[in-house]
Amino acid sequence: MKPLFELLDDYQVHRQARGYSPETLYKGRRNLLGFLRWLATVHQVTTSGELGPRHLEAWQKRLHGYRTGRGLPFKPLSINKLIESVRGFLKFLTARGHVPGVLNGVLCSVKKPILLPTSVLTHAQVRKLLAHIPTSDPQGYRDRTLLELLYSTGIRRKEALQLKLTDIDFGHATALVMGKGSKQRVVPVGRTAMRHLETYVKAVRPFLQREASDQDLFLDRTGKVLTGPALRVRLLRYAASLDVPFAVTPHTFRRSCATELIRGGANLYHVKDLLGHEDLDTLKHYVKLTIADLKKTHEKCHPRERDE
């Protein structure tokens, strides 16, 4: 019977060898440390041989009592991420003979409600926000370029901030993006975003660059790569002109891009590949949104609806 905390170290080494990103490894370890500390504190379970189904059942019930820093209950997505972390650990322990296979079937994912994406901007709202960004200084033009790119491609904030100069193919109007799990994909860049990128790289970025050898695409005023928190603060300032009931974040542009593409009749498989998703399941919320749009159109335009 090996101590569970030592087995967690073995599990981390195993996952690192399989190519998981440092961020994924950190979050997984954090989730599992919470689980193992709970086992040790509440049930005095510290070794693999002591772990049984009743402990897992009690832990899953405990999850529904967890609260955020604001005192709100955990969302189903957050609960499921914790469950997935423990499931992966149990699968590893089972494969190496530390725990019986019966433990793998104890934990059940929480059913997630199908909700429409809320923080989505219309095209008119995006145009208004982008037009509000002052482009007379290097940082403002950089921000306009970055947001044009996010809206055009739907790539994640982190993916955009990791871009190098060599990742942009100006001849073919594409960008080479490093996605989750260190998986690369090539995404098309629209004409407007590409026009801003060309101007930014040739005429604006040199004012931000400090080292001639620096290849990062989006730089801050000190010449270092622009950070996510810095971008978010600046975006909130630009979005203050919009009358929307939610905080506009870089991810808002990703959702808005996907929504407009699907509204425009884009093939869902193409949208999936553009966004870097593994399957179509992640797009079901956007499809629901277009159905809601269709219902509004039906109510507005169908003659029988107007009779009412």
C-alpha atoms as a PDB file:
ATOM      1  CA  MET A   1       0.000   0.000   0.000  1.00  0.00           C
ATOM      2  CA  LYS A   2       1.718   3.123  -1.243  1.00  0.00           C
ATOM      3  CA  PRO A   3       0.928   6.600   0.143  1.00  0.00           C
ATOM      4  CA  LEU A   4      -1.520   8.448  -2.087  1.00  0.00           C
ATOM      5  CA  PHE A   5       0.572  11.618  -2.098  1.00  0.00           C
ATOM      6  CA  GLU A   6       3.539   9.657  -3.483  1.00  0.00           C
ATOM      7  CA  LEU A   7       1.274   8.135  -6.127  1.00  0.00           C
ATOM      8  CA  LEU A   8       0.174  11.631  -7.066  1.00  0.00           C
ATOM      9  CA  ASP A   9       3.811  12.496  -7.791  1.00  0.00           C
ATOM     10  CA  ASP A  10       4.063   9.380  -9.981  1.00  0.00           C
ATOM     11  CA  TYR A  11       0.880  10.412 -11.765  1.00  0.00           C
ATOM     12  CA  GLN A  12       2.255  13.884 -12.484  1.00  0.00           C
ATOM     13  CA  VAL A  13       5.420  12.388 -13.978  1.00  0.00           C
ATOM     14  CA  HIS A  14       3.254  10.109 -16.107  1.00  0.00           C
ATOM     15  CA  ARG A  15       1.156  13.003 -17.398  1.00  0.00           C
ATOM     16  CA  GLN A  16       4.197  15.155 -18.032  1.00  0.00           C
ATOM     17  CA  ALA A  17       5.692  12.375 -20.164  1.00  0.00           C
ATOM     18  CA  ARG A  18       2.461  12.299 -22.182  1.00  0.00           C
ATOM     19  CA  GLY A  19       2.883  15.949 -23.120  1.00  0.00           C
ATOM     20  CA  TYR A  20       0.340  17.728 -20.950  1.00  0.00           C
ATOM     21  CA  SER A  21       0.904  21.484 -20.692  1.00  0.00           C
ATOM     22  CA  PRO A  22       2.322  22.999 -17.472  1.00  0.00           C
ATOM     23  CA  GLU A  23      -1.000  24.760 -16.868  1.00  0.00           C
ATOM     24  CA  THR A  24      -2.971  21.506 -17.188  1.00  0.00           C
ATOM     25  CA  LEU A  25      -0.520  19.719 -14.889  1.00  0.00           C
ATOM     26  CA  TYR A  26      -0.775  22.493 -12.297  1.00  0.00           C
ATOM     27  CA  LYS A  27      -4.585  22.550 -12.286  1.00  0.00           C
ATOM     28  CA  GLY A  28      -4.822  18.757 -12.137  1.00  0.00           C
ATOM     29  CA  ARG A  29      -2.400  18.559  -9.223  1.00  0.00           C
ATOM     30  CA  ARG A  30      -4.244  21.338  -7.387  1.00  0.00           C
ATOM     31  CA  ASN A  31      -7.549  19.492  -7.767  1.00  0.00           C
ATOM     32  CA  LEU A  32      -6.085  16.188  -6.608  1.00  0.00           C
ATOM     33  CA  LEU A  33      -4.285  17.716  -3.648  1.00  0.00           C
ATOM     34  CA  GLY A  34      -7.633  19.030  -2.416  1.00  0.00           C
ATOM     35  CA  PHE A  35      -9.146  15.574  -2.811  1.00  0.00           C
ATOM     36  CA  LEU A  36      -6.289  13.783  -1.020  1.00  0.00           C
ATOM     37  CA  ARG A  37      -6.229  16.294   1.846  1.00  0.00           C
ATOM     38  CA  TRP A  38      -9.974  15.811   2.285  1.00  0.00           C
ATOM     39  CA  LEU A  39      -9.491  12.023   2.411  1.00  0.00           C
ATOM     40  CA  ALA A  40      -6.737  12.328   5.001  1.00  0.00           C
ATOM     41  CA  THR A  41      -8.553  14.876   7.172  1.00  0.00           C
ATOM     42  CA  VAL A  42     -12.110  13.530   7.110  1.00  0.00           C
ATOM     43  CA  HIS A  43     -11.578   9.771   6.685  1.00  0.00           C
ATOM     44  CA  GLN A  44      -7.912   9.308   7.691  1.00  0.00           C
ATOM     45  CA  VAL A  45      -7.303   7.619   4.321  1.00  0.00           C
ATOM     46  CA  THR A  46      -3.691   8.121   3.245  1.00  0.00           C
ATOM     47  CA  THR A  47      -2.809   4.965   1.283  1.00  0.00           C
ATOM     48  CA  SER A  48      -4.226   3.350  -1.852  1.00  0.00           C
ATOM     49  CA  GLY A  49      -5.285   0.207  -0.011  1.00  0.00           C
ATOM     50  CA  GLU A  50      -7.569   2.150   2.324  1.00  0.00           C
ATOM     51  CA  LEU A  51      -9.509   3.872  -0.440  1.00  0.00           C
ATOM     52  CA  GLY A  52     -13.008   2.481  -1.041  1.00  0.00           C
ATOM     53  CA  PRO A  53     -16.245   3.334  -2.882  1.00  0.00           C
ATOM     54  CA  ARG A  54     -17.833   4.905   0.208  1.00  0.00           C
ATOM     55  CA  HIS A  55     -15.064   7.493   0.365  1.00  0.00           C
ATOM     56  CA  LEU A  56     -15.621   8.494  -3.265  1.00  0.00           C
ATOM     57  CA  GLU A  57     -19.397   8.672  -2.786  1.00  0.00           C
ATOM     58  CA  ALA A  58     -18.979  10.879   0.288  1.00  0.00           C
ATOM     59  CA  TRP A  59     -16.560  13.165  -1.584  1.00  0.00           C
ATOM     60  CA  GLN A  60     -18.948  13.595  -4.508  1.00  0.00           C
ATOM     61  CA  LYS A  61     -21.762  14.559  -2.121  1.00  0.00           C
ATOM     62  CA  ARG A  62     -19.397  17.020  -0.483  1.00  0.00           C
ATOM     63  CA  LEU A  63     -18.769  18.734  -3.847  1.00  0.00           C
ATOM     64  CA  HIS A  64     -22.314  20.097  -3.902  1.00  0.00           C
ATOM     65  CA  GLY A  65     -21.548  21.976  -0.698  1.00  0.00           C
ATOM     66  CA  TYR A  66     -18.497  23.752  -2.149  1.00  0.00           C
ATOM     67  CA  ARG A  67     -18.751  27.525  -2.507  1.00  0.00           C
ATOM     68  CA  THR A  68     -16.845  30.087  -4.541  1.00  0.00           C
ATOM     69  CA  GLY A  69     -15.134  33.124  -3.074  1.00  0.00           C
ATOM     70  CA  ARG A  70     -18.433  34.976  -3.525  1.00  0.00           C
ATOM     71  CA  GLY A  71     -20.321  32.330  -1.569  1.00  0.00           C
ATOM     72  CA  LEU A  72     -22.038  30.867  -4.647  1.00  0.00           C
ATOM     73  CA  PRO A  73     -22.314  27.108  -5.267  1.00  0.00           C
ATOM     74  CA  PHE A  74     -19.935  25.568  -7.778  1.00  0.00           C
ATOM     75  CA  LYS A  75     -21.260  25.367 -11.326  1.00  0.00           C
ATOM     76  CA  PRO A  76     -21.712  21.893 -12.867  1.00  0.00           C
ATOM     77  CA  LEU A  77     -18.728  22.550 -15.143  1.00  0.00           C
ATOM     78  CA  SER A  78     -16.466  23.251 -12.150  1.00  0.00           C
ATOM     79  CA  ILE A  79     -17.698  20.161 -10.304  1.00  0.00           C
ATOM     80  CA  ASN A  80     -17.143  17.994 -13.368  1.00  0.00           C
ATOM     81  CA  LYS A  81     -13.569  19.239 -13.753  1.00  0.00           C
ATOM     82  CA  LEU A  82     -12.846  18.083 -10.195  1.00  0.00           C
ATOM     83  CA  ILE A  83     -14.484  14.724 -10.898  1.00  0.00           C
ATOM     84  CA  GLU A  84     -12.514  14.329 -14.144  1.00  0.00           C
ATOM     85  CA  SER A  85      -9.262  14.977 -12.271  1.00  0.00           C
ATOM     86  CA  VAL A  86     -10.006  12.260  -9.710  1.00  0.00           C
ATOM     87  CA  ARG A  87     -11.237   9.844 -12.390  1.00  0.00           C
ATOM     88  CA  GLY A  88      -7.980  10.228 -14.308  1.00  0.00           C
ATOM     89  CA  PHE A  89      -6.001   9.543 -11.140  1.00  0.00           C
ATOM     90  CA  LEU A  90      -8.078   6.459 -10.322  1.00  0.00           C
ATOM     91  CA  LYS A  91      -7.628   5.120 -13.843  1.00  0.00           C
ATOM     92  CA  PHE A  92      -3.873   5.494 -13.422  1.00  0.00           C
ATOM     93  CA  LEU A  93      -3.950   3.728 -10.048  1.00  0.00           C
ATOM     94  CA  THR A  94      -6.070   0.897 -11.444  1.00  0.00           C
ATOM     95  CA  ALA A  95      -3.749   0.345 -14.411  1.00  0.00           C
ATOM     96  CA  ARG A  96      -0.845  -0.085 -12.001  1.00  0.00           C
ATOM     97  CA  GLY A  97      -2.687  -2.360  -9.601  1.00  0.00           C
ATOM     98  CA  HIS A  98      -2.898   0.048  -6.671  1.00  0.00           C
ATOM     99  CA  VAL A  99      -6.716   0.086  -6.440  1.00  0.00           C
ATOM    100  CA  PRO A 100      -9.479  -2.229  -7.705  1.00  0.00           C
ATOM    101  CA  GLY A 101     -11.183  -1.397 -11.000  1.00  0.00           C
ATOM    102  CA  VAL A 102     -14.566  -1.071  -9.302  1.00  0.00           C
ATOM    103  CA  LEU A 103     -13.567   2.399  -8.075  1.00  0.00           C
ATOM    104  CA  ASN A 104     -13.545   3.731 -11.642  1.00  0.00           C
ATOM    105  CA  GLY A 105     -17.328   3.511 -11.913  1.00  0.00           C
ATOM    106  CA  VAL A 106     -18.237   5.215  -8.642  1.00  0.00           C
ATOM    107  CA  LEU A 107     -17.989   8.891  -9.599  1.00  0.00           C
ATOM    108  CA  CYS A 108     -20.649  10.308 -11.923  1.00  0.00           C
ATOM    109  CA  SER A 109     -20.481  13.590 -13.816  1.00  0.00           C
ATOM    110  CA  VAL A 110     -23.082  16.215 -13.012  1.00  0.00           C
ATOM    111  CA  LYS A 111     -25.581  16.932 -15.767  1.00  0.00           C
ATOM    112  CA  LYS A 112     -24.871  20.331 -17.273  1.00  0.00           C
ATOM    113  CA  PRO A 113     -27.828  22.549 -18.190  1.00  0.00           C
ATOM    114  CA  ILE A 114     -27.902  23.620 -21.827  1.00  0.00           C
ATOM    115  CA  LEU A 115     -27.602  27.392 -21.665  1.00  0.00           C
ATOM    116  CA  LEU A 116     -27.302  29.901 -24.452  1.00  0.00           C
ATOM    117  CA  PRO A 117     -24.045  31.859 -24.499  1.00  0.00           C
ATOM    118  CA  THR A 118     -24.762  35.191 -22.858  1.00  0.00           C
ATOM    119  CA  SER A 119     -21.657  37.293 -23.407  1.00  0.00           C
ATOM    120  CA  VAL A 120     -21.982  37.609 -27.183  1.00  0.00           C
ATOM    121  CA  LEU A 121     -21.703  40.889 -29.065  1.00  0.00           C
ATOM    122  CA  THR A 122     -23.559  41.618 -32.266  1.00  0.00           C
ATOM    123  CA  HIS A 123     -21.533  42.649 -35.282  1.00  0.00           C
ATOM    124  CA  ALA A 124     -22.725  46.222 -34.841  1.00  0.00           C
ATOM    125  CA  GLN A 125     -21.544  46.234 -31.225  1.00  0.00           C
ATOM    126  CA  VAL A 126     -18.143  44.842 -32.215  1.00  0.00           C
ATOM    127  CA  ARG A 127     -17.774  47.535 -34.870  1.00  0.00           C
ATOM    128  CA  LYS A 128     -18.681  50.218 -32.343  1.00  0.00           C
ATOM    129  CA  LEU A 129     -16.173  48.913 -29.796  1.00  0.00           C
ATOM    130  CA  LEU A 130     -13.350  48.629 -32.334  1.00  0.00           C
ATOM    131  CA  ALA A 131     -14.047  52.098 -33.694  1.00  0.00           C
ATOM    132  CA  HIS A 132     -13.805  53.461 -30.141  1.00  0.00           C
ATOM    133  CA  ILE A 133     -10.155  52.350 -29.794  1.00  0.00           C
ATOM    134  CA  PRO A 134      -7.753  55.262 -30.371  1.00  0.00           C
ATOM    135  CA  THR A 135      -5.173  54.153 -32.933  1.00  0.00           C
ATOM    136  CA  SER A 136      -3.011  57.271 -32.898  1.00  0.00           C
ATOM    137  CA  ASP A 137      -0.511  55.694 -30.479  1.00  0.00           C
ATOM    138  CA  PRO A 138       1.316  52.322 -30.766  1.00  0.00           C
ATOM    139  CA  GLN A 139      -0.513  50.632 -27.878  1.00  0.00           C
ATOM    140  CA  GLY A 140      -3.915  51.623 -29.194  1.00  0.00           C
ATOM    141  CA  TYR A 141      -3.128  50.389 -32.706  1.00  0.00           C
ATOM    142  CA  ARG A 142      -1.765  47.161 -31.233  1.00  0.00           C
ATOM    143  CA  ASP A 143      -4.994  46.651 -29.268  1.00  0.00           C
ATOM    144  CA  ARG A 144      -7.135  47.315 -32.348  1.00  0.00           C
ATOM    145  CA  THR A 145      -5.073  44.824 -34.348  1.00  0.00           C
ATOM    146  CA  LEU A 146      -5.250  42.153 -31.658  1.00  0.00           C
ATOM    147  CA  LEU A 147      -9.023  42.472 -31.224  1.00  0.00           C
ATOM    148  CA  GLU A 148      -9.550  42.459 -34.990  1.00  0.00           C
ATOM    149  CA  LEU A 149      -7.581  39.197 -35.062  1.00  0.00           C
ATOM    150  CA  LEU A 150      -9.593  37.665 -32.194  1.00  0.00           C
ATOM    151  CA  TYR A 151     -12.891  38.557 -33.868  1.00  0.00           C
ATOM    152  CA  SER A 152     -11.764  37.379 -37.297  1.00  0.00           C
ATOM    153  CA  THR A 153     -10.322  34.024 -36.253  1.00  0.00           C
ATOM    154  CA  GLY A 154     -12.031  33.113 -32.971  1.00  0.00           C
ATOM    155  CA  ILE A 155      -8.699  32.035 -31.491  1.00  0.00           C
ATOM    156  CA  ARG A 156      -8.211  32.075 -27.732  1.00  0.00           C
ATOM    157  CA  ARG A 157      -6.560  35.001 -25.935  1.00  0.00           C
ATOM    158  CA  LYS A 158      -3.608  32.832 -24.925  1.00  0.00           C
ATOM    159  CA  GLU A 159      -3.201  31.548 -28.468  1.00  0.00           C
ATOM    160  CA  ALA A 160      -3.078  35.113 -29.802  1.00  0.00           C
ATOM    161  CA  LEU A 161      -0.589  36.357 -27.213  1.00  0.00           C
ATOM    162  CA  GLN A 162       1.726  33.399 -27.946  1.00  0.00           C
ATOM    163  CA  LEU A 163       1.974  34.278 -31.638  1.00  0.00           C
ATOM    164  CA  LYS A 164       5.373  34.995 -33.165  1.00  0.00           C
ATOM    165  CA  LEU A 165       6.076  37.127 -36.223  1.00  0.00           C
ATOM    166  CA  THR A 166       6.853  33.975 -38.180  1.00  0.00           C
ATOM    167  CA  ASP A 167       3.423  32.503 -37.354  1.00  0.00           C
ATOM    168  CA  ILE A 168       1.688  35.010 -39.640  1.00  0.00           C
ATOM    169  CA  ASP A 169       1.693  34.103 -43.328  1.00  0.00           C
ATOM    170  CA  PHE A 170       0.923  37.384 -45.062  1.00  0.00           C
ATOM    171  CA  GLY A 171       1.014  35.781 -48.496  1.00  0.00           C
ATOM    172  CA  HIS A 172      -1.735  33.264 -47.705  1.00  0.00           C
ATOM    173  CA  ALA A 173      -3.526  35.329 -45.011  1.00  0.00           C
ATOM    174  CA  THR A 174      -3.239  32.636 -42.337  1.00  0.00           C
ATOM    175  CA  ALA A 175      -1.903  32.243 -38.811  1.00  0.00           C
ATOM    176  CA  LEU A 176      -0.217  29.221 -37.257  1.00  0.00           C
ATOM    177  CA  VAL A 177      -1.725  28.804 -33.797  1.00  0.00           C
ATOM    178  CA  MET A 178      -0.542  26.673 -30.879  1.00  0.00           C
ATOM    179  CA  GLY A 179      -3.708  25.395 -29.200  1.00  0.00           C
ATOM    180  CA  LYS A 180      -4.523  23.293 -26.171  1.00  0.00           C
ATOM    181  CA  GLY A 181      -2.433  20.196 -25.685  1.00  0.00           C
ATOM    182  CA  SER A 182       0.344  21.767 -27.788  1.00  0.00           C
ATOM    183  CA  LYS A 183      -1.667  21.044 -30.949  1.00  0.00           C
ATOM    184  CA  GLN A 184      -0.999  23.343 -33.873  1.00  0.00           C
ATOM    185  CA  ARG A 185      -3.586  24.464 -36.395  1.00  0.00           C
ATOM    186  CA  VAL A 186      -3.666  26.938 -39.265  1.00  0.00           C
ATOM    187  CA  VAL A 187      -6.512  29.464 -39.249  1.00  0.00           C
ATOM    188  CA  PRO A 188      -7.563  31.915 -41.957  1.00  0.00           C
ATOM    189  CA  VAL A 189      -7.287  35.611 -41.169  1.00  0.00           C
ATOM    190  CA  GLY A 190      -9.885  37.947 -42.685  1.00  0.00           C
ATOM    191  CA  ARG A 191      -8.993  40.891 -44.921  1.00  0.00           C
ATOM    192  CA  THR A 192      -9.675  43.577 -42.304  1.00  0.00           C
ATOM    193  CA  ALA A 193      -7.626  41.845 -39.613  1.00  0.00           C
ATOM    194  CA  MET A 194      -4.830  41.119 -42.073  1.00  0.00           C
ATOM    195  CA  ARG A 195      -4.705  44.758 -43.180  1.00  0.00           C
ATOM    196  CA  HIS A 196      -4.300  45.846 -39.559  1.00  0.00           C
ATOM    197  CA  LEU A 197      -1.653  43.166 -38.973  1.00  0.00           C
ATOM    198  CA  GLU A 198       0.411  44.334 -41.945  1.00  0.00           C
ATOM    199  CA  THR A 199       0.359  47.948 -40.763  1.00  0.00           C
ATOM    200  CA  TYR A 200       1.068  46.951 -37.163  1.00  0.00           C
ATOM    201  CA  VAL A 201       4.069  44.775 -38.036  1.00  0.00           C
ATOM    202  CA  LYS A 202       5.615  47.230 -40.508  1.00  0.00           C
ATOM    203  CA  ALA A 203       4.880  50.603 -38.943  1.00  0.00           C
ATOM    204  CA  VAL A 204       3.758  50.213 -35.310  1.00  0.00           C
ATOM    205  CA  ARG A 205       5.471  47.234 -33.688  1.00  0.00           C
ATOM    206  CA  PRO A 206       8.994  48.725 -34.225  1.00  0.00           C
ATOM    207  CA  PHE A 207       8.067  51.494 -31.750  1.00  0.00           C
ATOM    208  CA  LEU A 208       7.323  48.846 -29.089  1.00  0.00           C
ATOM    209  CA  GLN A 209      10.219  46.518 -29.838  1.00  0.00           C
ATOM    210  CA  ARG A 210      13.301  46.781 -27.606  1.00  0.00           C
ATOM    211  CA  GLU A 211      15.383  43.784 -28.697  1.00  0.00           C
ATOM    212  CA  ALA A 212      16.091  43.268 -32.390  1.00  0.00           C
ATOM    213  CA  SER A 213      15.922  39.498 -31.940  1.00  0.00           C
ATOM    214  CA  ASP A 214      12.491  39.563 -30.265  1.00  0.00           C
ATOM    215  CA  GLN A 215       9.933  37.598 -32.291  1.00  0.00           C
ATOM    216  CA  ASP A 216       6.818  37.995 -30.117  1.00  0.00           C
ATOM    217  CA  LEU A 217       4.028  39.544 -32.164  1.00  0.00           C
ATOM    218  CA  PHE A 218       2.103  41.560 -29.577  1.00  0.00           C
ATOM    219  CA  LEU A 219       4.359  43.627 -27.303  1.00  0.00           C
ATOM    220  CA  ASP A 220       3.643  45.948 -24.388  1.00  0.00           C
ATOM    221  CA  ARG A 221       5.176  49.395 -23.966  1.00  0.00           C
ATOM    222  CA  THR A 222       8.297  47.892 -22.331  1.00  0.00           C
ATOM    223  CA  GLY A 223       8.959  45.581 -25.269  1.00  0.00           C
ATOM    224  CA  LYS A 224       7.832  42.434 -23.447  1.00  0.00           C
ATOM    225  CA  VAL A 225       5.011  40.185 -24.613  1.00  0.00           C
ATOM    226  CA  LEU A 226       1.591  41.611 -23.776  1.00  0.00           C
ATOM    227  CA  THR A 227      -0.060  39.778 -20.865  1.00  0.00           C
ATOM    228  CA  GLY A 228      -3.653  38.572 -20.572  1.00  0.00           C
ATOM    229  CA  PRO A 229      -4.508  40.689 -17.504  1.00  0.00           C
ATOM    230  CA  ALA A 230      -3.152  43.825 -19.192  1.00  0.00           C
ATOM    231  CA  LEU A 231      -5.242  43.158 -22.281  1.00  0.00           C
ATOM    232  CA  ARG A 232      -8.359  42.534 -20.213  1.00  0.00           C
ATOM    233  CA  VAL A 233      -7.991  45.854 -18.343  1.00  0.00           C
ATOM    234  CA  ARG A 234      -7.620  47.792 -21.579  1.00  0.00           C
ATOM    235  CA  LEU A 235     -10.534  45.950 -23.189  1.00  0.00           C
ATOM    236  CA  LEU A 236     -12.851  46.768 -20.294  1.00  0.00           C
ATOM    237  CA  ARG A 237     -11.980  50.410 -20.775  1.00  0.00           C
ATOM    238  CA  TYR A 238     -12.798  50.284 -24.481  1.00  0.00           C
ATOM    239  CA  ALA A 239     -16.037  48.384 -23.844  1.00  0.00           C
ATOM    240  CA  ALA A 240     -17.311  51.007 -21.405  1.00  0.00           C
ATOM    241  CA  SER A 241     -19.009  52.714 -24.360  1.00  0.00           C
ATOM    242  CA  LEU A 242     -21.225  49.663 -24.945  1.00  0.00           C
ATOM    243  CA  ASP A 243     -24.496  49.210 -23.104  1.00  0.00           C
ATOM    244  CA  VAL A 244     -24.268  45.454 -22.471  1.00  0.00           C
ATOM    245  CA  PRO A 245     -25.196  43.530 -19.276  1.00  0.00           C
ATOM    246  CA  PHE A 246     -21.914  41.606 -19.067  1.00  0.00           C
ATOM    247  CA  ALA A 247     -18.182  42.178 -18.873  1.00  0.00           C
ATOM    248  CA  VAL A 248     -16.567  42.140 -22.309  1.00  0.00           C
ATOM    249  CA  THR A 249     -13.474  39.913 -22.261  1.00  0.00           C
ATOM    250  CA  PRO A 250     -11.183  38.546 -24.979  1.00  0.00           C
ATOM    251  CA  HIS A 251     -13.262  35.353 -24.908  1.00  0.00           C
ATOM    252  CA  THR A 252     -16.308  37.436 -25.858  1.00  0.00           C
ATOM    253  CA  PHE A 253     -14.734  37.911 -29.280  1.00  0.00           C
ATOM    254  CA  ARG A 254     -14.293  34.147 -29.647  1.00  0.00           C
ATOM    255  CA  ARG A 255     -17.968  33.540 -28.848  1.00  0.00           C
ATOM    256  CA  SER A 256     -19.064  36.397 -31.097  1.00  0.00           C
ATOM    257  CA  CYS A 257     -16.977  35.065 -33.994  1.00  0.00           C
ATOM    258  CA  ALA A 258     -18.468  31.573 -33.660  1.00  0.00           C
ATOM    259  CA  THR A 259     -22.002  32.954 -33.360  1.00  0.00           C
ATOM    260  CA  GLU A 260     -21.712  35.110 -36.483  1.00  0.00           C
ATOM    261  CA  LEU A 261     -20.211  32.262 -38.515  1.00  0.00           C
ATOM    262  CA  ILE A 262     -22.998  29.856 -37.560  1.00  0.00           C
ATOM    263  CA  ARG A 263     -25.652  32.516 -38.123  1.00  0.00           C
ATOM    264  CA  GLY A 264     -24.167  33.010 -41.557  1.00  0.00           C
ATOM    265  CA  GLY A 265     -24.581  29.320 -42.387  1.00  0.00           C
ATOM    266  CA  ALA A 266     -21.002  28.117 -41.839  1.00  0.00           C
ATOM    267  CA  ASN A 267     -20.372  24.380 -41.789  1.00  0.00           C
ATOM    268  CA  LEU A 268     -20.168  23.302 -38.141  1.00  0.00           C
ATOM    269  CA  TYR A 269     -17.147  21.103 -38.830  1.00  0.00           C
ATOM    270  CA  HIS A 270     -15.314  24.099 -40.275  1.00  0.00           C
ATOM    271  CA  VAL A 271     -16.192  26.199 -37.218  1.00  0.00           C
ATOM    272  CA  LYS A 272     -15.013  23.373 -34.952  1.00  0.00           C
ATOM    273  CA  ASP A 273     -11.645  23.237 -36.706  1.00  0.00           C
ATOM    274  CA  LEU A 274     -11.300  27.028 -36.689  1.00  0.00           C
ATOM    275  CA  LEU A 275     -11.867  27.201 -32.930  1.00  0.00           C
ATOM    276  CA  GLY A 276      -9.639  24.207 -32.221  1.00  0.00           C
ATOM    277  CA  HIS A 277     -12.331  22.039 -30.606  1.00  0.00           C
ATOM    278  CA  GLU A 278     -12.079  18.264 -30.478  1.00  0.00           C
ATOM    279  CA  ASP A 279     -15.733  17.590 -31.345  1.00  0.00           C
ATOM    280  CA  LEU A 280     -19.007  19.273 -32.251  1.00  0.00           C
ATOM    281  CA  ASP A 281     -20.448  18.940 -28.754  1.00  0.00           C
ATOM    282  CA  THR A 282     -18.903  22.251 -27.704  1.00  0.00           C
ATOM    283  CA  LEU A 283     -20.836  24.075 -30.424  1.00  0.00           C
ATOM    284  CA  LYS A 284     -24.303  22.966 -29.321  1.00  0.00           C
ATOM    285  CA  HIS A 285     -24.841  26.177 -27.346  1.00  0.00           C
ATOM    286  CA  TYR A 286     -24.234  28.241 -30.457  1.00  0.00           C
ATOM    287  CA  VAL A 287     -26.629  26.096 -32.469  1.00  0.00           C
ATOM    288  CA  LYS A 288     -29.235  26.679 -29.763  1.00  0.00           C
ATOM    289  CA  LEU A 289     -28.616  30.388 -30.171  1.00  0.00           C
ATOM    290  CA  THR A 290     -29.355  30.257 -33.877  1.00  0.00           C
ATOM    291  CA  ILE A 291     -32.561  28.327 -33.164  1.00  0.00           C
ATOM    292  CA  ALA A 292     -33.566  31.118 -30.786  1.00  0.00           C
ATOM    293  CA  ASP A 293     -32.872  33.609 -33.580  1.00  0.00           C
ATOM    294  CA  LEU A 294     -35.005  31.538 -35.939  1.00  0.00           C
ATOM    295  CA  LYS A 295     -37.874  31.499 -33.466  1.00  0.00           C
ATOM    296  CA  LYS A 296     -37.783  35.297 -33.184  1.00  0.00           C
ATOM    297  CA  THR A 297     -37.818  35.584 -36.963  1.00  0.00           C
ATOM    298  CA  HIS A 298     -40.734  33.151 -37.169  1.00  0.00           C
ATOM    299  CA  GLU A 299     -42.747  35.090 -34.616  1.00  0.00           C
ATOM    300  CA  LYS A 300     -42.018  38.352 -36.393  1.00  0.00           C
ATOM    301  CA  CYS A 301     -42.553  37.280 -39.989  1.00  0.00           C
ATOM    302  CA  HIS A 302     -45.026  34.404 -40.110  1.00  0.00           C
ATOM    303  CA  PRO A 303     -48.496  35.734 -41.090  1.00  0.00           C
ATOM    304  CA  ARG A 304     -50.290  33.542 -38.582  1.00  0.00           C
ATOM    305  CA  GLU A 305     -48.125  34.895 -35.761  1.00  0.00           C
ATOM    306  CA  ARG A 306     -49.064  38.436 -36.818  1.00  0.00           C
ATOM    307  CA  ASP A 307     -52.743  37.479 -36.541  1.00  0.00           C
ATOM    308  CA  GLU A 308     -52.205  37.191 -32.794  1.00  0.00           C
END
